[in-house]
Protein backbone atom coordinates (compact mmCIF):
# COMPACT_ATOMS: atom_id res chain seq x y z
CA MET A 1 52.07 -23.13 56.26
CA ALA A 2 55.50 -24.63 56.50
CA GLU A 3 58.06 -22.87 58.44
CA LYS A 4 60.33 -20.64 56.54
CA THR A 5 63.88 -22.04 55.42
CA PHE A 6 66.86 -20.50 56.89
CA ASN A 7 67.61 -18.48 53.49
CA GLU A 8 63.82 -17.55 53.70
CA LYS A 9 64.34 -15.96 57.00
CA CYS A 10 67.65 -14.28 55.86
CA TYR A 11 65.83 -12.58 53.00
CA SER A 12 62.87 -11.53 54.96
CA LEU A 13 65.26 -9.79 57.51
CA LEU A 14 67.23 -8.33 54.54
CA LYS A 15 64.26 -6.78 52.94
CA LYS A 16 64.10 -4.32 55.95
CA VAL A 17 67.51 -2.75 55.17
CA PRO A 18 66.87 0.44 53.49
CA LYS A 19 68.62 2.22 50.63
CA GLY A 20 71.75 4.09 51.86
CA LYS A 21 72.39 1.54 54.38
CA VAL A 22 74.34 -1.78 54.53
CA THR A 23 74.32 -4.67 57.01
CA THR A 24 76.52 -7.62 57.42
CA TYR A 25 76.43 -11.24 57.32
CA GLY A 26 77.23 -11.06 61.20
CA GLU A 27 74.41 -8.87 61.90
CA ILE A 28 71.93 -11.03 59.95
CA ALA A 29 73.22 -14.34 61.87
CA LYS A 30 72.79 -12.59 65.35
CA ALA A 31 69.42 -11.28 64.45
CA LEU A 32 68.56 -15.12 63.65
CA GLY A 33 69.92 -16.19 67.06
CA GLY A 34 73.23 -17.52 65.82
CA LYS A 35 76.57 -17.29 64.42
CA ALA A 36 76.39 -18.55 61.24
CA TYR A 37 77.61 -15.87 59.13
CA GLN A 38 79.33 -18.34 56.34
CA ALA A 39 75.51 -19.64 55.78
CA VAL A 40 74.23 -16.20 55.68
CA GLY A 41 76.51 -15.65 53.04
CA ASN A 42 75.49 -18.69 51.16
CA ALA A 43 72.18 -17.45 51.42
CA MET A 44 72.89 -14.29 49.78
CA ASN A 45 74.98 -16.02 47.20
CA LYS A 46 71.77 -18.21 46.17
CA ASN A 47 69.18 -14.98 46.52
CA PRO A 48 66.58 -15.68 43.82
CA TYR A 49 64.72 -12.51 44.60
CA ALA A 50 67.50 -9.91 43.65
CA PRO A 51 67.11 -6.92 43.38
CA LYS A 52 63.74 -6.97 45.57
CA VAL A 53 65.66 -8.80 48.28
CA PRO A 54 68.96 -6.46 48.33
CA CYS A 55 71.85 -8.72 48.84
CA HIS A 56 74.01 -6.11 47.60
CA ARG A 57 73.73 -4.23 50.86
CA VAL A 58 75.31 -7.04 52.79
CA VAL A 59 79.08 -6.44 53.52
CA ASN A 60 81.87 -7.91 55.81
CA SER A 61 81.85 -7.05 59.42
CA ASP A 62 85.06 -4.74 58.81
CA GLY A 63 83.16 -2.50 56.30
CA SER A 64 85.00 -4.30 53.24
CA ILE A 65 82.79 -5.13 50.58
CA GLY A 66 82.68 -8.90 50.59
CA GLY A 67 81.42 -11.14 47.62
CA PHE A 68 78.84 -10.77 44.78
CA ALA A 69 77.17 -13.04 42.60
CA PHE A 70 77.26 -10.70 39.79
CA GLY A 71 80.76 -9.38 40.55
CA VAL A 72 81.98 -7.12 43.20
CA SER A 73 82.18 -4.08 40.95
CA GLU A 74 78.62 -4.21 40.04
CA LYS A 75 78.14 -4.42 43.94
CA VAL A 76 80.01 -1.17 44.39
CA LYS A 77 78.13 0.44 41.21
CA ILE A 78 74.68 -0.56 42.86
CA LEU A 79 75.77 0.85 46.45
CA LYS A 80 76.84 3.86 45.05
CA SER A 81 73.60 4.46 43.08
CA GLU A 82 72.03 4.21 46.50
CA GLY A 83 74.24 6.59 48.35
CA VAL A 84 76.73 4.42 49.80
CA ASP A 85 80.28 5.41 48.94
CA VAL A 86 83.03 2.67 48.42
CA ILE A 87 86.76 3.76 48.65
CA ASP A 88 89.45 0.93 48.13
CA GLY A 89 86.92 -1.84 48.49
CA LYS A 90 85.65 -0.39 52.28
CA ILE A 91 82.56 1.45 52.90
CA VAL A 92 83.08 5.15 53.48
CA GLU A 93 81.88 5.92 57.12
CA PHE A 94 80.91 2.38 57.46
CA GLU A 95 79.31 2.98 61.31
CA LYS A 96 77.04 5.71 60.12
CA LYS A 97 75.88 3.29 57.15
CA LEU A 98 75.53 0.09 59.18
CA PHE A 99 72.23 -1.28 59.79
CA LYS A 100 71.30 -3.34 62.92
CA PHE A 101 68.50 -5.27 63.51
């Protein structure tokens, strides 16, 4: 079987993040052994498996929402439906909601 692409590795990791939690582009990059958080962002933007691979659960390292292919307001709506509160574009109690690999 062919080795997984970088994007596929990102998606495999992301499936481990449960509802009610978020992770960061940097946490995913670190779990993959590097610092390529921008490449992780690109992978999330191209995610063909949403919502099975929950790219809406990936946020910036300061707890701010970051981008989303379907729009930031949609990302916030989905996160709130999973129990993650967002105020002024930031995750409430970010440290408690942060999932680390």
